[in-house]
C-alpha atoms as a PDB file:
ATOM      1  CA  MET A   1     130.639 155.923  60.018  1.00  0.00           C
ATOM      2  CA  ALA A   2     130.840 156.843  63.719  1.00  0.00           C
ATOM      3  CA  SER A   3     127.071 156.580  64.062  1.00  0.00           C
ATOM      4  CA  LEU A   4     127.108 152.991  62.622  1.00  0.00           C
ATOM      5  CA  ILE A   5     129.718 151.838  65.121  1.00  0.00           C
ATOM      6  CA  ALA A   6     127.791 153.399  67.992  1.00  0.00           C
ATOM      7  CA  THR A   7     124.534 151.671  67.070  1.00  0.00           C
ATOM      8  CA  LYS A   8     125.995 148.045  67.033  1.00  0.00           C
ATOM      9  CA  PRO A   9     126.147 147.731  70.879  1.00  0.00           C
ATOM     10  CA  CYS A  10     122.584 148.960  71.117  1.00  0.00           C
ATOM     11  CA  ILE A  11     121.338 146.248  68.733  1.00  0.00           C
ATOM     12  CA  GLY A  12     123.231 143.603  70.701  1.00  0.00           C
ATOM     13  CA  ARG A  13     121.651 144.690  73.953  1.00  0.00           C
ATOM     14  CA  LEU A  14     118.167 144.558  72.450  1.00  0.00           C
ATOM     15  CA  LEU A  15     118.633 140.916  71.249  1.00  0.00           C
ATOM     16  CA  ARG A  16     120.341 139.549  74.334  1.00  0.00           C
ATOM     17  CA  PRO A  17     117.401 139.811  76.811  1.00  0.00           C
ATOM     18  CA  ARG A  18     115.299 137.749  74.325  1.00  0.00           C
ATOM     19  CA  GLU A  19     117.817 134.901  74.370  1.00  0.00           C
ATOM     20  CA  LEU A  20     118.025 135.008  78.157  1.00  0.00           C
ATOM     21  CA  GLN A  21     114.258 134.948  78.398  1.00  0.00           C
ATOM     22  CA  LEU A  22     113.973 131.829  76.164  1.00  0.00           C
ATOM     23  CA  GLY A  23     116.687 130.041  78.121  1.00  0.00           C
ATOM     24  CA  ALA A  24     115.034 130.786  81.441  1.00  0.00           C
ATOM     25  CA  THR A  25     111.678 129.548  80.158  1.00  0.00           C
ATOM     26  CA  ALA A  26     113.189 126.200  79.029  1.00  0.00           C
ATOM     27  CA  ILE A  27     114.840 125.707  82.425  1.00  0.00           C
ATOM     28  CA  THR A  28     111.973 126.817  84.638  1.00  0.00           C
ATOM     29  CA  GLN A  29     109.186 124.975  82.765  1.00  0.00           C
ATOM     30  CA  PRO A  30     110.335 121.342  82.119  1.00  0.00           C
ATOM     31  CA  SER A  31     106.818 120.007  82.714  1.00  0.00           C
ATOM     32  CA  VAL A  32     105.635 121.445  79.389  1.00  0.00           C
ATOM     33  CA  PHE A  33     107.924 119.063  77.436  1.00  0.00           C
ATOM     34  CA  ALA A  34     107.134 116.162  79.707  1.00  0.00           C
ATOM     35  CA  ALA A  35     103.419 116.516  79.039  1.00  0.00           C
ATOM     36  CA  THR A  36     103.938 115.953  75.312  1.00  0.00           C
ATOM     37  CA  ARG A  37     105.317 112.415  75.761  1.00  0.00           C
ATOM     38  CA  THR A  38     103.237 109.299  74.903  1.00  0.00           C
ATOM     39  CA  PHE A  39     101.454 107.310  77.584  1.00  0.00           C
ATOM     40  CA  ALA A  40     103.623 104.166  77.080  1.00  0.00           C
ATOM     41  CA  THR A  41     106.777 104.200  79.148  1.00  0.00           C
ATOM     42  CA  THR A  42     108.415 101.050  77.645  1.00  0.00           C
ATOM     43  CA  ALA A  43     111.454 101.800  75.548  1.00  0.00           C
ATOM     44  CA  PRO A  44     111.257 100.551  71.953  1.00  0.00           C
ATOM     45  CA  GLN A  45     113.071  97.240  71.442  1.00  0.00           C
ATOM     46  CA  CYS A  46     115.620  96.944  68.683  1.00  0.00           C
ATOM     47  CA  LYS A  47     115.530  94.068  66.189  1.00  0.00           C
ATOM     48  CA  ARG A  48     117.591  91.210  67.454  1.00  0.00           C
ATOM     49  CA  THR A  49     120.394  90.403  65.056  1.00  0.00           C
ATOM     50  CA  LYS A  50     123.228  87.944  65.260  1.00  0.00           C
ATOM     51  CA  HIS A  51     126.645  89.424  64.878  1.00  0.00           C
ATOM     52  CA  SER A  52     129.823  87.586  64.207  1.00  0.00           C
ATOM     53  CA  LYS A  53     132.585  87.608  66.724  1.00  0.00           C
ATOM     54  CA  THR A  54     134.291  90.454  64.903  1.00  0.00           C
ATOM     55  CA  ARG A  55     131.087  92.497  64.622  1.00  0.00           C
ATOM     56  CA  ASP A  56     131.380  92.509  60.848  1.00  0.00           C
ATOM     57  CA  ASN A  57     128.265  92.638  58.716  1.00  0.00           C
ATOM     58  CA  ASN A  58     129.982  90.823  55.845  1.00  0.00           C
ATOM     59  CA  ARG A  59     129.863  87.109  56.587  1.00  0.00           C
ATOM     60  CA  PHE A  60     132.147  86.268  53.693  1.00  0.00           C
ATOM     61  CA  ARG A  61     134.924  88.755  54.414  1.00  0.00           C
ATOM     62  CA  GLY A  62     138.252  87.001  54.115  1.00  0.00           C
ATOM     63  CA  VAL A  63     136.793  83.968  52.360  1.00  0.00           C
ATOM     64  CA  SER A  64     138.438  83.486  48.980  1.00  0.00           C
ATOM     65  CA  ALA A  65     137.847  80.648  46.569  1.00  0.00           C
ATOM     66  CA  LEU A  66     140.907  81.605  44.556  1.00  0.00           C
ATOM     67  CA  ARG A  67     143.288  81.661  47.510  1.00  0.00           C
ATOM     68  CA  ARG A  68     141.501  78.838  49.310  1.00  0.00           C
ATOM     69  CA  THR A  69     141.438  80.686  52.588  1.00  0.00           C
ATOM     70  CA  GLY A  70     138.377  78.859  53.823  1.00  0.00           C
ATOM     71  CA  LEU A  71     136.118  80.096  56.568  1.00  0.00           C
ATOM     72  CA  ARG A  72     137.503  82.759  58.895  1.00  0.00           C
ATOM     73  CA  GLU A  73     135.846  81.193  61.956  1.00  0.00           C
ATOM     74  CA  PRO A  74     135.687  77.564  63.078  1.00  0.00           C
ATOM     75  CA  VAL A  75     132.364  75.837  62.543  1.00  0.00           C
ATOM     76  CA  SER A  76     130.738  72.936  64.324  1.00  0.00           C
ATOM     77  CA  VAL A  77     132.166  70.308  61.981  1.00  0.00           C
ATOM     78  CA  SER A  78     135.737  71.556  61.953  1.00  0.00           C
ATOM     79  CA  ASN A  79     137.011  68.758  64.211  1.00  0.00           C
ATOM     80  CA  VAL A  80     135.284  65.969  62.320  1.00  0.00           C
ATOM     81  CA  PRO A  81     137.855  63.970  60.321  1.00  0.00           C
ATOM     82  CA  LEU A  82     137.254  63.961  56.604  1.00  0.00           C
ATOM     83  CA  PRO A  83     136.621  60.600  54.911  1.00  0.00           C
ATOM     84  CA  LYS A  84     139.671  59.120  53.278  1.00  0.00           C
ATOM     85  CA  PRO A  85     139.416  57.642  49.794  1.00  0.00           C
ATOM     86  CA  VAL A  86     139.921  53.921  49.544  1.00  0.00           C
ATOM     87  CA  GLU A  87     142.973  52.534  47.903  1.00  0.00           C
ATOM     88  CA  PHE A  88     142.758  51.699  44.227  1.00  0.00           C
ATOM     89  CA  LEU A  89     141.408  48.193  43.838  1.00  0.00           C
ATOM     90  CA  PRO A  90     143.269  45.898  41.476  1.00  0.00           C
ATOM     91  CA  LYS A  91     141.573  44.835  38.285  1.00  0.00           C
ATOM     92  CA  ILE A  92     139.689  41.595  38.737  1.00  0.00           C
ATOM     93  CA  GLU A  93     140.565  38.946  36.220  1.00  0.00           C
ATOM     94  CA  VAL A  94     137.510  37.606  34.414  1.00  0.00           C
ATOM     95  CA  ASP A  95     137.309  34.517  32.287  1.00  0.00           C
ATOM     96  CA  PRO A  96     137.152  35.705  28.664  1.00  0.00           C
ATOM     97  CA  ASN A  97     135.086  32.621  27.818  1.00  0.00           C
ATOM     98  CA  HIS A  98     132.473  33.221  30.513  1.00  0.00           C
ATOM     99  CA  GLY A  99     129.028  31.922  29.670  1.00  0.00           C
ATOM    100  CA  LEU A 100     127.310  35.251  30.281  1.00  0.00           C
ATOM    101  CA  TYR A 101     129.178  36.785  27.357  1.00  0.00           C
ATOM    102  CA  ALA A 102     126.960  34.691  25.102  1.00  0.00           C
ATOM    103  CA  PHE A 103     124.056  37.026  25.891  1.00  0.00           C
ATOM    104  CA  PHE A 104     125.893  40.009  24.396  1.00  0.00           C
ATOM    105  CA  ALA A 105     127.133  40.766  20.929  1.00  0.00           C
ATOM    106  CA  GLY A 106     130.728  40.231  22.084  1.00  0.00           C
ATOM    107  CA  PRO A 107     133.038  40.408  25.113  1.00  0.00           C
ATOM    108  CA  ASP A 108     133.731  44.114  24.523  1.00  0.00           C
ATOM    109  CA  LYS A 109     130.571  44.949  22.611  1.00  0.00           C
ATOM    110  CA  LEU A 110     127.184  45.872  24.057  1.00  0.00           C
ATOM    111  CA  MET A 111     125.022  45.573  20.950  1.00  0.00           C
ATOM    112  CA  ASN A 112     125.133  45.253  17.191  1.00  0.00           C
ATOM    113  CA  THR A 113     124.901  48.169  14.825  1.00  0.00           C
ATOM    114  CA  PRO A 114     121.806  48.483  12.606  1.00  0.00           C
ATOM    115  CA  ALA A 115     123.873  47.303   9.645  1.00  0.00           C
ATOM    116  CA  GLU A 116     124.926  44.183  11.554  1.00  0.00           C
ATOM    117  CA  ASP A 117     121.339  43.443  12.613  1.00  0.00           C
ATOM    118  CA  ARG A 118     120.274  43.483   8.971  1.00  0.00           C
ATOM    119  CA  GLU A 119     122.825  40.803   8.118  1.00  0.00           C
ATOM    120  CA  HIS A 120     120.757  37.708   8.877  1.00  0.00           C
ATOM    121  CA  GLY A 121     119.297  34.909   6.821  1.00  0.00           C
ATOM    122  CA  ARG A 122     115.750  33.698   6.510  1.00  0.00           C
ATOM    123  CA  ALA A 123     113.943  31.586   9.047  1.00  0.00           C
ATOM    124  CA  TRP A 124     114.059  27.777   8.954  1.00  0.00           C
ATOM    125  CA  SER A 125     111.086  26.170   7.220  1.00  0.00           C
ATOM    126  CA  VAL A 126     109.056  23.231   8.515  1.00  0.00           C
ATOM    127  CA  GLU A 127     110.143  21.005   5.603  1.00  0.00           C
ATOM    128  CA  GLU A 128     113.819  21.551   6.468  1.00  0.00           C
ATOM    129  CA  LEU A 129     113.322  20.887  10.160  1.00  0.00           C
ATOM    130  CA  ARG A 130     111.480  17.598   9.583  1.00  0.00           C
ATOM    131  CA  ARG A 131     114.786  16.063   8.473  1.00  0.00           C
ATOM    132  CA  LYS A 132     116.572  17.089  11.664  1.00  0.00           C
ATOM    133  CA  SER A 133     117.114  14.818  14.631  1.00  0.00           C
ATOM    134  CA  TRP A 134     115.901  15.442  18.153  1.00  0.00           C
ATOM    135  CA  ASP A 135     119.316  16.687  19.252  1.00  0.00           C
ATOM    136  CA  ASP A 136     119.579  19.081  16.318  1.00  0.00           C
ATOM    137  CA  LEU A 137     116.167  20.544  17.080  1.00  0.00           C
ATOM    138  CA  GLN A 138     117.097  21.003  20.720  1.00  0.00           C
ATOM    139  CA  ARG A 139     120.363  22.774  19.866  1.00  0.00           C
ATOM    140  CA  LEU A 140     118.640  25.034  17.354  1.00  0.00           C
ATOM    141  CA  TRP A 141     115.941  25.897  19.906  1.00  0.00           C
ATOM    142  CA  TRP A 142     118.458  27.081  22.503  1.00  0.00           C
ATOM    143  CA  VAL A 143     120.414  29.000  19.871  1.00  0.00           C
ATOM    144  CA  CYS A 144     117.205  30.881  19.093  1.00  0.00           C
ATOM    145  CA  CYS A 145     116.596  31.530  22.809  1.00  0.00           C
ATOM    146  CA  ARG A 146     120.075  32.979  23.199  1.00  0.00           C
ATOM    147  CA  GLU A 147     119.645  35.170  20.120  1.00  0.00           C
ATOM    148  CA  ARG A 148     116.332  36.520  21.395  1.00  0.00           C
ATOM    149  CA  ASN A 149     117.993  37.305  24.714  1.00  0.00           C
ATOM    150  CA  ARG A 150     120.671  39.294  22.901  1.00  0.00           C
ATOM    151  CA  ILE A 151     118.031  41.221  20.976  1.00  0.00           C
ATOM    152  CA  SER A 152     116.040  41.979  24.143  1.00  0.00           C
ATOM    153  CA  THR A 153     119.164  43.197  25.947  1.00  0.00           C
ATOM    154  CA  ALA A 154     120.038  45.517  23.063  1.00  0.00           C
ATOM    155  CA  ASP A 155     116.464  46.848  22.850  1.00  0.00           C
ATOM    156  CA  LYS A 156     116.361  47.655  26.552  1.00  0.00           C
ATOM    157  CA  GLU A 157     119.712  49.432  26.439  1.00  0.00           C
ATOM    158  CA  ARG A 158     118.625  51.328  23.321  1.00  0.00           C
ATOM    159  CA  LYS A 159     115.495  52.587  25.091  1.00  0.00           C
ATOM    160  CA  ARG A 160     117.406  53.508  28.239  1.00  0.00           C
ATOM    161  CA  ALA A 161     119.926  55.614  26.322  1.00  0.00           C
ATOM    162  CA  ASN A 162     117.282  57.112  23.998  1.00  0.00           C
ATOM    163  CA  MET A 163     119.365  56.269  20.954  1.00  0.00           C
ATOM    164  CA  GLY A 164     116.472  56.501  18.530  1.00  0.00           C
ATOM    165  CA  PHE A 165     117.834  54.082  15.931  1.00  0.00           C
ATOM    166  CA  GLY A 166     118.095  50.364  15.290  1.00  0.00           C
ATOM    167  CA  ALA A 167     114.589  49.433  16.481  1.00  0.00           C
ATOM    168  CA  ALA A 168     113.311  48.433  13.027  1.00  0.00           C
ATOM    169  CA  GLU A 169     116.352  46.274  12.215  1.00  0.00           C
ATOM    170  CA  SER A 170     116.169  44.619  15.610  1.00  0.00           C
ATOM    171  CA  LYS A 171     112.473  43.834  15.173  1.00  0.00           C
ATOM    172  CA  ASN A 172     113.035  42.220  11.768  1.00  0.00           C
ATOM    173  CA  ARG A 173     115.790  40.048  13.198  1.00  0.00           C
ATOM    174  CA  ASP A 174     113.611  39.057  16.139  1.00  0.00           C
ATOM    175  CA  ASP A 175     110.732  38.139  13.815  1.00  0.00           C
ATOM    176  CA  ALA A 176     112.988  35.781  11.850  1.00  0.00           C
ATOM    177  CA  VAL A 177     114.081  34.049  15.053  1.00  0.00           C
ATOM    178  CA  LYS A 178     110.486  33.703  16.249  1.00  0.00           C
ATOM    179  CA  GLN A 179     109.449  32.153  12.925  1.00  0.00           C
ATOM    180  CA  THR A 180     112.187  29.537  13.329  1.00  0.00           C
ATOM    181  CA  MET A 181     111.021  28.731  16.858  1.00  0.00           C
ATOM    182  CA  LYS A 182     107.449  28.471  15.633  1.00  0.00           C
ATOM    183  CA  ALA A 183     108.546  26.006  12.939  1.00  0.00           C
ATOM    184  CA  ILE A 184     110.373  23.906  15.561  1.00  0.00           C
ATOM    185  CA  LYS A 185     107.200  23.724  17.642  1.00  0.00           C
ATOM    186  CA  HIS A 186     105.258  22.697  14.548  1.00  0.00           C
ATOM    187  CA  VAL A 187     107.647  19.806  13.829  1.00  0.00           C
ATOM    188  CA  LEU A 188     107.620  18.637  17.449  1.00  0.00           C
ATOM    189  CA  THR A 189     103.825  18.717  17.497  1.00  0.00           C
ATOM    190  CA  GLU A 190     103.704  16.596  14.341  1.00  0.00           C
ATOM    191  CA  ARG A 191     106.060  14.061  15.862  1.00  0.00           C
ATOM    192  CA  TYR A 192     104.011  13.919  19.031  1.00  0.00           C
ATOM    193  CA  TYR A 193     100.816  13.206  17.096  1.00  0.00           C
ATOM    194  CA  LEU A 194     102.620  10.508  15.106  1.00  0.00           C
ATOM    195  CA  TRP A 195     103.874   8.941  18.326  1.00  0.00           C
ATOM    196  CA  GLU A 196     100.351   8.814  19.734  1.00  0.00           C
ATOM    197  CA  ASP A 197      99.046   7.105  16.599  1.00  0.00           C
ATOM    198  CA  ALA A 198     101.935   4.640  16.627  1.00  0.00           C
ATOM    199  CA  TYR A 199     101.311   3.827  20.285  1.00  0.00           C
ATOM    200  CA  GLU A 200      97.671   2.978  19.626  1.00  0.00           C
ATOM    201  CA  ILE A 201      98.681   0.716  16.732  1.00  0.00           C
ATOM    202  CA  ALA A 202     101.383  -0.985  18.817  1.00  0.00           C
ATOM    203  CA  LYS A 203      98.837  -2.022  21.424  1.00  0.00           C
ATOM    204  CA  ASN A 204      97.252  -4.425  18.902  1.00  0.00           C
ATOM    205  CA  ASP A 205     100.500  -5.565  17.279  1.00  0.00           C
ATOM    206  CA  PRO A 206     101.662  -9.015  18.511  1.00  0.00           C
ATOM    207  CA  GLU A 207     105.269  -8.245  17.589  1.00  0.00           C
ATOM    208  CA  ILE A 208     105.452  -5.199  19.894  1.00  0.00           C
ATOM    209  CA  ASN A 209     106.169  -5.731  23.566  1.00  0.00           C
ATOM    210  CA  LEU A 210     104.902  -2.811  25.697  1.00  0.00           C
ATOM    211  CA  THR A 211     105.338  -4.502  29.064  1.00  0.00           C
ATOM    212  CA  GLY A 212     108.771  -2.989  29.619  1.00  0.00           C
ATOM    213  CA  ASP A 213     110.523  -6.364  30.019  1.00  0.00           C
ATOM    214  CA  GLY A 214     112.869  -7.428  27.255  1.00  0.00           C
ATOM    215  CA  ASP A 215     113.010  -6.100  23.726  1.00  0.00           C
ATOM    216  CA  VAL A 216     110.233  -3.879  22.452  1.00  0.00           C
ATOM    217  CA  TYR A 217     110.130  -5.423  18.965  1.00  0.00           C
ATOM    218  CA  VAL A 218     109.984  -9.199  18.836  1.00  0.00           C
ATOM    219  CA  PRO A 219     109.295 -10.696  15.360  1.00  0.00           C
ATOM    220  CA  LEU A 220     106.974 -13.691  15.092  1.00  0.00           C
ATOM    221  CA  GLU A 221     109.718 -15.961  13.708  1.00  0.00           C
ATOM    222  CA  ASP A 222     111.810 -15.333  16.756  1.00  0.00           C
ATOM    223  CA  GLN A 223     108.868 -16.038  19.033  1.00  0.00           C
ATOM    224  CA  GLU A 224     108.260 -19.437  17.386  1.00  0.00           C
ATOM    225  CA  PHE A 225     111.949 -20.278  17.683  1.00  0.00           C
ATOM    226  CA  PHE A 226     112.011 -19.357  21.359  1.00  0.00           C
ATOM    227  CA  GLU A 227     108.854 -21.400  22.014  1.00  0.00           C
ATOM    228  CA  GLU A 228     110.364 -24.497  20.339  1.00  0.00           C
ATOM    229  CA  GLU A 229     113.592 -24.183  22.276  1.00  0.00           C
ATOM    230  CA  GLU A 230     111.690 -23.807  25.521  1.00  0.00           C
ATOM    231  CA  ALA A 231     109.564 -26.932  24.807  1.00  0.00           C
ATOM    232  CA  ARG A 232     112.645 -28.998  23.883  1.00  0.00           C
ATOM    233  CA  ALA A 233     114.411 -27.938  27.059  1.00  0.00           C
ATOM    234  CA  LYS A 234     111.459 -29.030  29.164  1.00  0.00           C
ATOM    235  CA  SER A 235     111.232 -32.436  27.446  1.00  0.00           C
ATOM    236  CA  GLU A 236     114.922 -33.175  27.852  1.00  0.00           C
ATOM    237  CA  ALA A 237     115.013 -32.238  31.477  1.00  0.00           C
ATOM    238  CA  PRO A 238     115.605 -35.319  33.733  1.00  0.00           C
ATOM    239  CA  LYS A 239     112.584 -36.443  35.682  1.00  0.00           C
ATOM    240  CA  SER A 240     113.051 -36.578  39.414  1.00  0.00           C
ATOM    241  CA  ALA A 241     112.650 -39.982  41.133  1.00  0.00           C
ATOM    242  CA  PRO A 242     109.445 -40.528  43.142  1.00  0.00           C
ATOM    243  CA  ALA A 243     109.886 -40.276  46.837  1.00  0.00           C
END
């Protein structure tokens, strides 16, 4: 045991000169470490990063959607006044009998249902329209124009909304209206041809006056009566004295 204690200082002395020798070498030979450096002397540049004013890497720290804390720092638009909503406008009174409502199915109705479009009668025939007057044909023509406008408005809205129904019923209704309008044109064309034929006949009729002065129809008996009265008036007229 005594020999082990006596040998510990000897081991310490043997190791100590080695440590002193290494320390002296590092101090006395700094050029050895300097020679191992690279040729470039510029210090490496760090990546430029933008930091917030609080030097916090979390940009959303303190921002809470639940508590409505908002941004923790003022931004460039903080002093800009927010737009104010306009006051509620009063309801504009509209004439319930406005003429534009005629182009829709009703004042509060955009279009007819397919079942309502199917509820229509047949088209007018040419034989039925021949008995109608000019005014009746004109009224019926504009009724058909208004109905076709309603159908076109409903078709356009149906395509815009991609409803996918009612096209067949609308087409059948439109076809019936177009057949009526075609029959009206047929009757008007017949009357125009008849008028042309009657005009050519009237040119050679002595009882028809086409000059535009007086009555158009002057019977022959009336013409003879007027001629006799005119001759009698001339004969009874007093003769003027010679100068």
